[in-house]
Structure formats: structure tokens, C-alpha cells
Protein backbone atom coordinates (compact mmCIF):
# COMPACT_ATOMS: atom_id res chain seq x y z
CA MET A 1 26.28 101.88 64.68
CA LEU A 2 22.79 100.88 65.73
CA LYS A 3 21.33 104.07 64.23
CA ALA A 4 22.96 103.30 60.87
CA LYS A 5 21.48 99.79 60.80
CA VAL A 6 18.02 101.07 61.69
CA PHE A 7 18.33 103.77 59.03
CA LEU A 8 19.33 101.24 56.35
CA ILE A 9 16.51 98.89 57.31
CA CYS A 10 13.96 101.71 57.22
CA LEU A 11 15.33 102.94 53.89
CA SER A 12 15.14 99.42 52.44
CA VAL A 13 11.57 98.98 53.63
CA MET A 14 10.56 102.35 52.18
CA LEU A 15 12.17 101.55 48.81
CA LEU A 16 10.50 98.14 48.74
CA LEU A 17 7.13 99.64 49.65
CA PHE A 18 7.34 102.42 47.05
CA SER A 19 8.48 99.95 44.39
CA ALA A 20 5.53 97.67 45.15
CA ILE A 21 3.10 100.60 44.96
CA ALA A 22 4.61 101.78 41.66
CA ALA A 23 4.42 98.25 40.21
CA PHE A 24 0.77 97.90 41.20
CA GLU A 25 -0.08 101.31 39.74
CA MET A 26 1.63 100.38 36.47
CA TYR A 27 -0.31 97.11 36.37
CA ALA A 28 -3.62 98.87 37.11
CA MET A 29 -2.94 101.48 34.43
CA GLU A 30 -2.13 98.89 31.74
CA ARG A 31 -5.19 96.83 32.64
CA ALA A 32 -7.36 99.94 32.46
CA ILE A 33 -5.91 100.80 29.03
CA ALA A 34 -6.60 97.26 27.78
CA ARG A 35 -10.13 97.43 29.15
CA SER A 36 -10.76 100.79 27.48
CA ILE A 37 -9.51 99.46 24.14
CA TYR A 38 -11.86 96.49 24.56
CA ALA A 39 -14.79 98.80 25.35
CA ASP A 40 -14.03 101.09 22.38
CA VAL A 41 -13.75 98.22 19.90
CA PHE A 42 -16.88 96.60 21.32
CA ASP A 43 -18.92 99.82 20.98
CA ASP A 44 -17.79 100.27 17.38
CA MET A 45 -18.39 96.61 16.61
CA GLN A 46 -21.89 96.79 18.07
CA ASP A 47 -22.69 99.86 15.93
CA ILE A 48 -21.54 98.39 12.61
CA GLY A 49 -22.46 94.74 13.26
CA TYR A 50 -19.03 93.17 12.70
CA LEU A 51 -15.33 93.61 13.50
CA GLU A 52 -14.04 95.76 10.66
CA PRO A 53 -10.44 94.91 9.64
CA LEU A 54 -9.40 98.59 9.53
CA LEU A 55 -10.71 99.09 13.07
CA ALA A 56 -8.86 96.00 14.28
CA ASP A 57 -5.64 97.17 12.59
CA TYR A 58 -5.96 100.63 14.16
CA TYR A 59 -6.23 99.19 17.67
CA LEU A 60 -3.49 96.63 16.98
CA GLY A 61 -1.24 99.58 16.14
CA LYS A 62 -2.19 101.31 19.38
CA MET A 63 -1.43 98.16 21.37
CA GLN A 64 1.86 97.69 19.54
CA ASP A 65 2.82 101.31 20.35
CA LEU A 66 2.29 100.45 24.03
CA GLY A 67 4.83 97.65 23.66
CA TRP A 68 2.37 94.79 23.98
CA ASP A 69 2.81 91.52 22.12
CA VAL A 70 0.26 91.50 19.28
CA ALA A 71 1.98 88.94 17.04
CA SER A 72 -0.91 86.49 17.44
CA ASP A 73 -4.55 87.20 16.63
CA VAL A 74 -5.64 89.20 19.68
CA PHE A 75 -9.24 89.25 18.45
CA ALA A 76 -9.51 85.45 18.06
CA GLY A 77 -12.99 84.29 18.97
CA SER A 78 -14.68 87.52 17.86
CA ASN A 79 -17.71 87.07 15.67
CA PRO A 80 -18.70 88.19 13.01
CA ARG A 81 -15.51 89.38 11.36
CA ALA A 82 -16.66 89.91 7.77
CA GLU A 83 -19.01 92.51 6.34
CA GLY A 84 -21.07 89.88 4.55
CA LEU A 85 -21.81 88.13 7.86
CA ARG A 86 -22.81 91.37 9.59
CA ALA A 87 -25.14 90.97 12.61
CA ARG A 88 -28.40 92.89 12.27
CA LYS A 89 -30.63 94.36 14.93
CA GLU A 90 -33.87 93.50 13.14
CA ARG A 91 -32.90 89.81 13.38
CA ASN A 92 -31.88 90.11 17.06
CA GLU A 93 -28.34 88.90 16.25
CA MET A 94 -25.43 89.25 18.64
CA VAL A 95 -21.85 90.44 18.22
CA THR A 96 -19.14 88.77 20.27
CA LEU A 97 -15.78 90.34 21.01
CA SER A 98 -12.87 88.50 22.52
CA LEU A 99 -9.62 90.34 23.26
CA GLU A 100 -6.43 88.78 24.63
CA VAL A 101 -3.24 90.82 24.98
CA ARG A 102 0.09 90.20 26.61
CA PRO A 103 1.09 93.39 28.45
CA SER A 104 4.54 94.44 29.62
CA ARG A 105 6.60 91.96 31.62
CA LEU A 106 5.93 93.76 34.91
CA SER A 107 2.18 93.66 34.33
CA GLN A 108 2.40 90.00 33.34
CA TRP A 109 4.04 89.19 36.69
CA MET A 110 1.50 91.23 38.63
CA HIS A 111 -1.41 89.67 36.70
CA LEU A 112 0.03 86.20 37.27
CA PHE A 113 0.16 86.95 40.98
CA ALA A 114 -3.37 88.44 41.05
CA LYS A 115 -5.29 86.27 38.55
CA GLY A 116 -3.09 83.27 37.79
CA GLU A 117 -2.48 84.05 34.10
CA THR A 118 -0.18 86.37 32.18
CA SER A 119 -2.55 87.72 29.53
CA PHE A 120 -5.37 90.21 29.86
CA ARG A 121 -8.56 88.56 28.54
CA PHE A 122 -11.89 90.21 27.94
CA THR A 123 -14.89 88.52 26.31
CA GLY A 124 -18.50 89.53 25.91
CA SER A 125 -21.58 89.51 23.70
CA ARG A 126 -24.09 92.26 22.98
CA PRO A 127 -27.03 92.68 20.64
CA SER A 128 -26.10 94.33 17.36
CA GLU A 129 -27.22 97.92 16.79
CA TYR A 130 -26.81 97.76 13.01
CA PHE A 131 -29.96 98.25 10.91
CA ASP A 132 -29.83 97.13 7.29
CA PRO A 133 -30.66 100.18 5.12
CA GLY A 134 -32.79 97.99 2.83
CA TRP A 135 -34.92 96.71 5.67
């Protein structure tokens, strides 16, 4: 009888430990995917001097395919967002990208435990690399 209790306790601890490791790996993977999307959009935005709507829609589709909530404007706070307001390198203008996504429920819980919030947020500014052809 004692061996059965010890076996069940050990089995429970092993299941709990493996579940915690799997949950953390899932959280780390989703955060890395969100960070890579942020880096890709930021590189493209820096090259063209603004956040192109087709580029934003493409990455919104990718995030939606991952099951993330993209109903709100995930690029709110990004600047410039229109071609006419494009940042130019010769003027030493900056592009700013702000990305906020709500990942899967498991990652939200893990992020709440680790950082105190449920959304992944990334924000940064870089100098524009866009040269006006007429310059």
C-alpha cells in the first residue's frame, strides 16, 4: 500500500513538472514569434519610411492564423502610417513601431505571472533608411 501511494505521488509530481515545462516552452515560443514579427515589421518599416497598410494586413493575417486576438489596432502608436508622411533619412527622421498582441490563453497566464500583464508589447524607434528619389 505504501508503494502505491509513493508511486502515485511521484507520478503526480512528474506530470505537474512536465506540464509546467511544456507551458513555459509554449509561452517562450509564442513570445519569440511575436518578437520576430515585431522585428520583421520594424525592418520593413525602417526601409520604406512608414507602416504600409498592406504590410500591416499581411502580419495581422499571420497573427490571426496563430489564434491571437487582433480585433483591435495592434499597431496603435506606430508612426508614420501614411505614405505622404513618410520619414526620410536625409532629414534624420525616425520611425516608431508599437506592437501589442494578445496571445493564447496559456501564454496570457504565463505572461501575467512573469510580467504582470496579459499582452505582449514591443515599442521602439529607429532612424529611417528611406531616401527620397528626388533628393
